[in-house]
Amino acid sequence: MKCSIHGCPGKYEDKLIVHTVRRETEVLVFENVPAEVCSICSDTLLAPETVRHLERMIRHKSKPGKFAPVYEYA
């Protein structure tokens, strides 16, 4: 599918991405999230069912498989 960003000639490609969500004081990181990513400008689209799945994971507070440090840019 052609990129939806005005003037971008790229096309969306299926990829697995790292998606981050900030929720209050928490930063949640999701790996291997299916997305469509533009080959030129990197515009990223998530399917509605993917968003619903992420929301369910957040709501049910699934135990993360990994932990990562978070640094504040000072």
PDB file of N, CA and C in Angstrom:
ATOM      1  N   MET A   1       0.849  -1.166   0.000  1.00  0.00           N
ATOM      2  CA  MET A   1       0.000   0.000   0.000  1.00  0.00           C
ATOM      3  C   MET A   1       0.904   1.241   0.000  1.00  0.00           C
ATOM      4  N   LYS A   2       0.508   2.259  -0.735  1.00  0.00           N
ATOM      5  CA  LYS A   2       1.254   3.518  -0.834  1.00  0.00           C
ATOM      6  C   LYS A   2       1.197   4.261   0.500  1.00  0.00           C
ATOM      7  N   CYS A   3       2.288   4.925   0.837  1.00  0.00           N
ATOM      8  CA  CYS A   3       2.366   5.695   2.081  1.00  0.00           C
ATOM      9  C   CYS A   3       1.298   6.785   2.099  1.00  0.00           C
ATOM     10  N   SER A   4       0.732   7.016   3.283  1.00  0.00           N
ATOM     11  CA  SER A   4      -0.340   8.002   3.421  1.00  0.00           C
ATOM     12  C   SER A   4       0.179   9.408   3.738  1.00  0.00           C
ATOM     13  N   ILE A   5       1.492   9.566   3.913  1.00  0.00           N
ATOM     14  CA  ILE A   5       2.074  10.880   4.183  1.00  0.00           C
ATOM     15  C   ILE A   5       2.151  11.653   2.868  1.00  0.00           C
ATOM     16  N   HIS A   6       1.601  12.855   2.863  1.00  0.00           N
ATOM     17  CA  HIS A   6       1.538  13.673   1.655  1.00  0.00           C
ATOM     18  C   HIS A   6       2.938  13.864   1.054  1.00  0.00           C
ATOM     19  N   GLY A   7       3.077  13.513  -0.215  1.00  0.00           N
ATOM     20  CA  GLY A   7       4.319  13.703  -0.950  1.00  0.00           C
ATOM     21  C   GLY A   7       5.337  12.576  -0.806  1.00  0.00           C
ATOM     22  N   CYS A   8       5.103  11.632   0.067  1.00  0.00           N
ATOM     23  CA  CYS A   8       6.050  10.526   0.236  1.00  0.00           C
ATOM     24  C   CYS A   8       5.770   9.462  -0.819  1.00  0.00           C
ATOM     25  N   PRO A   9       6.780   9.065  -1.596  1.00  0.00           N
ATOM     26  CA  PRO A   9       6.574   8.057  -2.637  1.00  0.00           C
ATOM     27  C   PRO A   9       6.718   6.618  -2.135  1.00  0.00           C
ATOM     28  N   GLY A  10       6.943   6.439  -0.832  1.00  0.00           N
ATOM     29  CA  GLY A  10       7.193   5.105  -0.286  1.00  0.00           C
ATOM     30  C   GLY A  10       5.971   4.217  -0.242  1.00  0.00           C
ATOM     31  N   LYS A  11       6.226   2.964   0.076  1.00  0.00           N
ATOM     32  CA  LYS A  11       5.163   1.970   0.242  1.00  0.00           C
ATOM     33  C   LYS A  11       5.338   1.299   1.594  1.00  0.00           C
ATOM     34  N   TYR A  12       4.218   0.899   2.194  1.00  0.00           N
ATOM     35  CA  TYR A  12       4.256   0.221   3.480  1.00  0.00           C
ATOM     36  C   TYR A  12       4.721  -1.219   3.302  1.00  0.00           C
ATOM     37  N   GLU A  13       5.548  -1.655   4.247  1.00  0.00           N
ATOM     38  CA  GLU A  13       6.046  -3.026   4.272  1.00  0.00           C
ATOM     39  C   GLU A  13       5.729  -3.612   5.640  1.00  0.00           C
ATOM     40  N   ASP A  14       5.410  -4.905   5.675  1.00  0.00           N
ATOM     41  CA  ASP A  14       5.165  -5.583   6.948  1.00  0.00           C
ATOM     42  C   ASP A  14       6.486  -5.769   7.677  1.00  0.00           C
ATOM     43  N   LYS A  15       6.514  -5.342   8.935  1.00  0.00           N
ATOM     44  CA  LYS A  15       7.724  -5.472   9.759  1.00  0.00           C
ATOM     45  C   LYS A  15       7.320  -5.758  11.193  1.00  0.00           C
ATOM     46  N   LEU A  16       8.279  -6.233  11.971  1.00  0.00           N
ATOM     47  CA  LEU A  16       8.111  -6.365  13.409  1.00  0.00           C
ATOM     48  C   LEU A  16       8.898  -5.234  14.042  1.00  0.00           C
ATOM     49  N   ILE A  17       8.248  -4.478  14.923  1.00  0.00           N
ATOM     50  CA  ILE A  17       8.865  -3.288  15.500  1.00  0.00           C
ATOM     51  C   ILE A  17       8.927  -3.382  17.023  1.00  0.00           C
ATOM     52  N   VAL A  18       9.658  -2.447  17.614  1.00  0.00           N
ATOM     53  CA  VAL A  18       9.628  -2.225  19.060  1.00  0.00           C
ATOM     54  C   VAL A  18       8.710  -1.023  19.272  1.00  0.00           C
ATOM     55  N   HIS A  19       7.683  -1.200  20.089  1.00  0.00           N
ATOM     56  CA  HIS A  19       6.683  -0.154  20.324  1.00  0.00           C
ATOM     57  C   HIS A  19       6.722   0.224  21.800  1.00  0.00           C
ATOM     58  N   THR A  20       6.814   1.519  22.088  1.00  0.00           N
ATOM     59  CA  THR A  20       6.830   1.966  23.481  1.00  0.00           C
ATOM     60  C   THR A  20       5.562   2.747  23.804  1.00  0.00           C
ATOM     61  N   VAL A  21       5.128   2.603  25.044  1.00  0.00           N
ATOM     62  CA  VAL A  21       3.935   3.293  25.536  1.00  0.00           C
ATOM     63  C   VAL A  21       4.292   3.898  26.887  1.00  0.00           C
ATOM     64  N   ARG A  22       3.992   5.168  27.064  1.00  0.00           N
ATOM     65  CA  ARG A  22       4.178   5.799  28.372  1.00  0.00           C
ATOM     66  C   ARG A  22       2.829   5.828  29.060  1.00  0.00           C
ATOM     67  N   ARG A  23       2.785   5.265  30.252  1.00  0.00           N
ATOM     68  CA  ARG A  23       1.536   5.210  31.019  1.00  0.00           C
ATOM     69  C   ARG A  23       1.831   5.707  32.426  1.00  0.00           C
ATOM     70  N   GLU A  24       1.377   6.934  32.705  1.00  0.00           N
ATOM     71  CA  GLU A  24       1.673   7.604  33.967  1.00  0.00           C
ATOM     72  C   GLU A  24       3.185   7.639  34.169  1.00  0.00           C
ATOM     73  N   THR A  25       3.708   6.949  35.182  1.00  0.00           N
ATOM     74  CA  THR A  25       5.153   6.977  35.422  1.00  0.00           C
ATOM     75  C   THR A  25       5.877   5.791  34.793  1.00  0.00           C
ATOM     76  N   GLU A  26       5.148   4.904  34.146  1.00  0.00           N
ATOM     77  CA  GLU A  26       5.746   3.709  33.558  1.00  0.00           C
ATOM     78  C   GLU A  26       6.053   3.910  32.076  1.00  0.00           C
ATOM     79  N   VAL A  27       7.125   3.272  31.630  1.00  0.00           N
ATOM     80  CA  VAL A  27       7.426   3.178  30.207  1.00  0.00           C
ATOM     81  C   VAL A  27       7.362   1.695  29.868  1.00  0.00           C
ATOM     82  N   LEU A  28       6.433   1.334  28.992  1.00  0.00           N
ATOM     83  CA  LEU A  28       6.240  -0.058  28.603  1.00  0.00           C
ATOM     84  C   LEU A  28       6.826  -0.260  27.214  1.00  0.00           C
ATOM     85  N   VAL A  29       7.574  -1.343  27.048  1.00  0.00           N
ATOM     86  CA  VAL A  29       8.223  -1.630  25.769  1.00  0.00           C
ATOM     87  C   VAL A  29       7.715  -2.986  25.276  1.00  0.00           C
ATOM     88  N   PHE A  30       7.230  -2.996  24.047  1.00  0.00           N
ATOM     89  CA  PHE A  30       6.724  -4.217  23.419  1.00  0.00           C
ATOM     90  C   PHE A  30       7.601  -4.551  22.223  1.00  0.00           C
ATOM     91  N   GLU A  31       8.159  -5.747  22.210  1.00  0.00           N
ATOM     92  CA  GLU A  31       8.994  -6.190  21.091  1.00  0.00           C
ATOM     93  C   GLU A  31       8.174  -7.049  20.139  1.00  0.00           C
ATOM     94  N   ASN A  32       8.635  -7.098  18.904  1.00  0.00           N
ATOM     95  CA  ASN A  32       8.039  -7.955  17.869  1.00  0.00           C
ATOM     96  C   ASN A  32       6.565  -7.651  17.608  1.00  0.00           C
ATOM     97  N   VAL A  33       6.235  -6.371  17.569  1.00  0.00           N
ATOM     98  CA  VAL A  33       4.861  -5.934  17.295  1.00  0.00           C
ATOM     99  C   VAL A  33       4.695  -5.837  15.780  1.00  0.00           C
ATOM    100  N   PRO A  34       3.700  -6.512  15.208  1.00  0.00           N
ATOM    101  CA  PRO A  34       3.492  -6.415  13.765  1.00  0.00           C
ATOM    102  C   PRO A  34       2.993  -5.030  13.378  1.00  0.00           C
ATOM    103  N   ALA A  35       3.598  -4.470  12.339  1.00  0.00           N
ATOM    104  CA  ALA A  35       3.231  -3.124  11.889  1.00  0.00           C
ATOM    105  C   ALA A  35       3.510  -3.004  10.405  1.00  0.00           C
ATOM    106  N   GLU A  36       2.948  -1.961   9.813  1.00  0.00           N
ATOM    107  CA  GLU A  36       3.268  -1.596   8.438  1.00  0.00           C
ATOM    108  C   GLU A  36       4.131  -0.344   8.531  1.00  0.00           C
ATOM    109  N   VAL A  37       5.325  -0.389   7.922  1.00  0.00           N
ATOM    110  CA  VAL A  37       6.288   0.704   8.024  1.00  0.00           C
ATOM    111  C   VAL A  37       6.648   1.173   6.621  1.00  0.00           C
ATOM    112  N   CYS A  38       6.597   2.487   6.395  1.00  0.00           N
ATOM    113  CA  CYS A  38       6.931   3.053   5.088  1.00  0.00           C
ATOM    114  C   CYS A  38       8.418   2.855   4.813  1.00  0.00           C
ATOM    115  N   SER A  39       8.727   2.433   3.594  1.00  0.00           N
ATOM    116  CA  SER A  39      10.110   2.162   3.190  1.00  0.00           C
ATOM    117  C   SER A  39      10.934   3.436   3.043  1.00  0.00           C
ATOM    118  N   ILE A  40      10.294   4.597   2.942  1.00  0.00           N
ATOM    119  CA  ILE A  40      11.010   5.863   2.752  1.00  0.00           C
ATOM    120  C   ILE A  40      11.021   6.691   4.039  1.00  0.00           C
ATOM    121  N   CYS A  41       9.842   7.031   4.562  1.00  0.00           N
ATOM    122  CA  CYS A  41       9.766   7.977   5.688  1.00  0.00           C
ATOM    123  C   CYS A  41       9.590   7.307   7.051  1.00  0.00           C
ATOM    124  N   SER A  42       9.416   6.003   7.076  1.00  0.00           N
ATOM    125  CA  SER A  42       9.246   5.218   8.308  1.00  0.00           C
ATOM    126  C   SER A  42       7.931   5.475   9.041  1.00  0.00           C
ATOM    127  N   ASP A  43       6.947   6.095   8.368  1.00  0.00           N
ATOM    128  CA  ASP A  43       5.624   6.219   8.975  1.00  0.00           C
ATOM    129  C   ASP A  43       5.174   4.814   9.357  1.00  0.00           C
ATOM    130  N   THR A  44       4.563   4.680  10.531  1.00  0.00           N
ATOM    131  CA  THR A  44       4.226   3.358  11.055  1.00  0.00           C
ATOM    132  C   THR A  44       2.735   3.265  11.350  1.00  0.00           C
ATOM    133  N   LEU A  45       2.130   2.182  10.885  1.00  0.00           N
ATOM    134  CA  LEU A  45       0.710   1.924  11.116  1.00  0.00           C
ATOM    135  C   LEU A  45       0.553   0.623  11.895  1.00  0.00           C
ATOM    136  N   LEU A  46      -0.311   0.661  12.904  1.00  0.00           N
ATOM    137  CA  LEU A  46      -0.668  -0.544  13.645  1.00  0.00           C
ATOM    138  C   LEU A  46      -2.113  -0.887  13.313  1.00  0.00           C
ATOM    139  N   ALA A  47      -2.371  -2.149  13.061  1.00  0.00           N
ATOM    140  CA  ALA A  47      -3.736  -2.598  12.780  1.00  0.00           C
ATOM    141  C   ALA A  47      -4.578  -2.469  14.047  1.00  0.00           C
ATOM    142  N   PRO A  48      -5.877  -2.207  13.900  1.00  0.00           N
ATOM    143  CA  PRO A  48      -6.745  -2.081  15.078  1.00  0.00           C
ATOM    144  C   PRO A  48      -6.665  -3.296  16.009  1.00  0.00           C
ATOM    145  N   GLU A  49      -6.576  -4.496  15.458  1.00  0.00           N
ATOM    146  CA  GLU A  49      -6.500  -5.689  16.320  1.00  0.00           C
ATOM    147  C   GLU A  49      -5.182  -5.740  17.096  1.00  0.00           C
ATOM    148  N   THR A  50      -4.114  -5.189  16.520  1.00  0.00           N
ATOM    149  CA  THR A  50      -2.829  -5.116  17.224  1.00  0.00           C
ATOM    150  C   THR A  50      -2.935  -4.144  18.388  1.00  0.00           C
ATOM    151  N   VAL A  51      -3.555  -3.000  18.163  1.00  0.00           N
ATOM    152  CA  VAL A  51      -3.744  -2.009  19.230  1.00  0.00           C
ATOM    153  C   VAL A  51      -4.594  -2.608  20.350  1.00  0.00           C
ATOM    154  N   ARG A  52      -5.661  -3.308  20.002  1.00  0.00           N
ATOM    155  CA  ARG A  52      -6.521  -3.933  21.024  1.00  0.00           C
ATOM    156  C   ARG A  52      -5.740  -4.960  21.836  1.00  0.00           C
ATOM    157  N   HIS A  53      -4.884  -5.740  21.158  1.00  0.00           N
ATOM    158  CA  HIS A  53      -4.076  -6.745  21.852  1.00  0.00           C
ATOM    159  C   HIS A  53      -3.115  -6.064  22.841  1.00  0.00           C
ATOM    160  N   LEU A  54      -2.449  -5.001  22.412  1.00  0.00           N
ATOM    161  CA  LEU A  54      -1.552  -4.263  23.302  1.00  0.00           C
ATOM    162  C   LEU A  54      -2.326  -3.695  24.490  1.00  0.00           C
ATOM    163  N   GLU A  55      -3.504  -3.140  24.242  1.00  0.00           N
ATOM    164  CA  GLU A  55      -4.330  -2.589  25.320  1.00  0.00           C
ATOM    165  C   GLU A  55      -4.727  -3.670  26.323  1.00  0.00           C
ATOM    166  N   ARG A  56      -5.053  -4.872  25.828  1.00  0.00           N
ATOM    167  CA  ARG A  56      -5.392  -5.982  26.728  1.00  0.00           C
ATOM    168  C   ARG A  56      -4.183  -6.357  27.593  1.00  0.00           C
ATOM    169  N   MET A  57      -3.004  -6.410  26.969  1.00  0.00           N
ATOM    170  CA  MET A  57      -1.790  -6.750  27.715  1.00  0.00           C
ATOM    171  C   MET A  57      -1.538  -5.723  28.816  1.00  0.00           C
ATOM    172  N   ILE A  58      -1.746  -4.452  28.507  1.00  0.00           N
ATOM    173  CA  ILE A  58      -1.546  -3.389  29.499  1.00  0.00           C
ATOM    174  C   ILE A  58      -2.595  -3.499  30.600  1.00  0.00           C
ATOM    175  N   ARG A  59      -3.837  -3.686  30.213  1.00  0.00           N
ATOM    176  CA  ARG A  59      -4.941  -3.746  31.178  1.00  0.00           C
ATOM    177  C   ARG A  59      -4.775  -4.931  32.139  1.00  0.00           C
ATOM    178  N   HIS A  60      -4.326  -6.078  31.616  1.00  0.00           N
ATOM    179  CA  HIS A  60      -4.179  -7.271  32.452  1.00  0.00           C
ATOM    180  C   HIS A  60      -2.812  -7.341  33.126  1.00  0.00           C
ATOM    181  N   LYS A  61      -1.985  -6.326  32.878  1.00  0.00           N
ATOM    182  CA  LYS A  61      -0.663  -6.245  33.492  1.00  0.00           C
ATOM    183  C   LYS A  61       0.100  -7.557  33.367  1.00  0.00           C
ATOM    184  N   SER A  62       0.208  -8.037  32.144  1.00  0.00           N
ATOM    185  CA  SER A  62       0.992  -9.240  31.882  1.00  0.00           C
ATOM    186  C   SER A  62       2.410  -9.041  32.399  1.00  0.00           C
ATOM    187  N   LYS A  63       2.979 -10.094  32.958  1.00  0.00           N
ATOM    188  CA  LYS A  63       4.343  -9.999  33.478  1.00  0.00           C
ATOM    189  C   LYS A  63       5.314  -9.897  32.309  1.00  0.00           C
ATOM    190  N   PRO A  64       6.180  -8.873  32.317  1.00  0.00           N
ATOM    191  CA  PRO A  64       7.128  -8.725  31.212  1.00  0.00           C
ATOM    192  C   PRO A  64       8.174  -9.838  31.212  1.00  0.00           C
ATOM    193  N   GLY A  65       8.651 -10.179  30.016  1.00  0.00           N
ATOM    194  CA  GLY A  65       9.680 -11.202  29.877  1.00  0.00           C
ATOM    195  C   GLY A  65      11.072 -10.662  30.124  1.00  0.00           C
ATOM    196  N   LYS A  66      11.224  -9.342  30.049  1.00  0.00           N
ATOM    197  CA  LYS A  66      12.526  -8.702  30.231  1.00  0.00           C
ATOM    198  C   LYS A  66      12.337  -7.378  30.960  1.00  0.00           C
ATOM    199  N   PHE A  67      13.407  -6.882  31.520  1.00  0.00           N
ATOM    200  CA  PHE A  67      13.412  -5.551  32.127  1.00  0.00           C
ATOM    201  C   PHE A  67      14.556  -4.761  31.509  1.00  0.00           C
ATOM    202  N   ALA A  68      14.354  -3.455  31.359  1.00  0.00           N
ATOM    203  CA  ALA A  68      15.391  -2.612  30.753  1.00  0.00           C
ATOM    204  C   ALA A  68      15.526  -1.319  31.555  1.00  0.00           C
ATOM    205  N   PRO A  69      16.753  -0.825  31.678  1.00  0.00           N
ATOM    206  CA  PRO A  69      16.927   0.466  32.344  1.00  0.00           C
ATOM    207  C   PRO A  69      16.385   1.591  31.479  1.00  0.00           C
ATOM    208  N   VAL A  70      15.911   2.628  32.131  1.00  0.00           N
ATOM    209  CA  VAL A  70      15.410   3.802  31.414  1.00  0.00           C
ATOM    210  C   VAL A  70      16.255   4.980  31.872  1.00  0.00           C
ATOM    211  N   TYR A  71      16.858   5.665  30.904  1.00  0.00           N
ATOM    212  CA  TYR A  71      17.716   6.800  31.202  1.00  0.00           C
ATOM    213  C   TYR A  71      16.998   8.100  30.869  1.00  0.00           C
ATOM    214  N   GLU A  72      17.224   9.097  31.703  1.00  0.00           N
ATOM    215  CA  GLU A  72      16.648  10.418  31.442  1.00  0.00           C
ATOM    216  C   GLU A  72      17.727  11.300  30.821  1.00  0.00           C
ATOM    217  N   TYR A  73      17.407  11.915  29.718  1.00  0.00           N
ATOM    218  CA  TYR A  73      18.338  12.814  29.050  1.00  0.00           C
ATOM    219  C   TYR A  73      18.477  14.069  29.895  1.00  0.00           C
ATOM    220  N   ALA A  74      19.695  14.372  30.305  1.00  0.00           N
ATOM    221  CA  ALA A  74      19.893  15.533  31.177  1.00  0.00           C
ATOM    222  C   ALA A  74      20.757  16.568  30.487  1.00  0.00           C
TER     223      ALA A  74
END
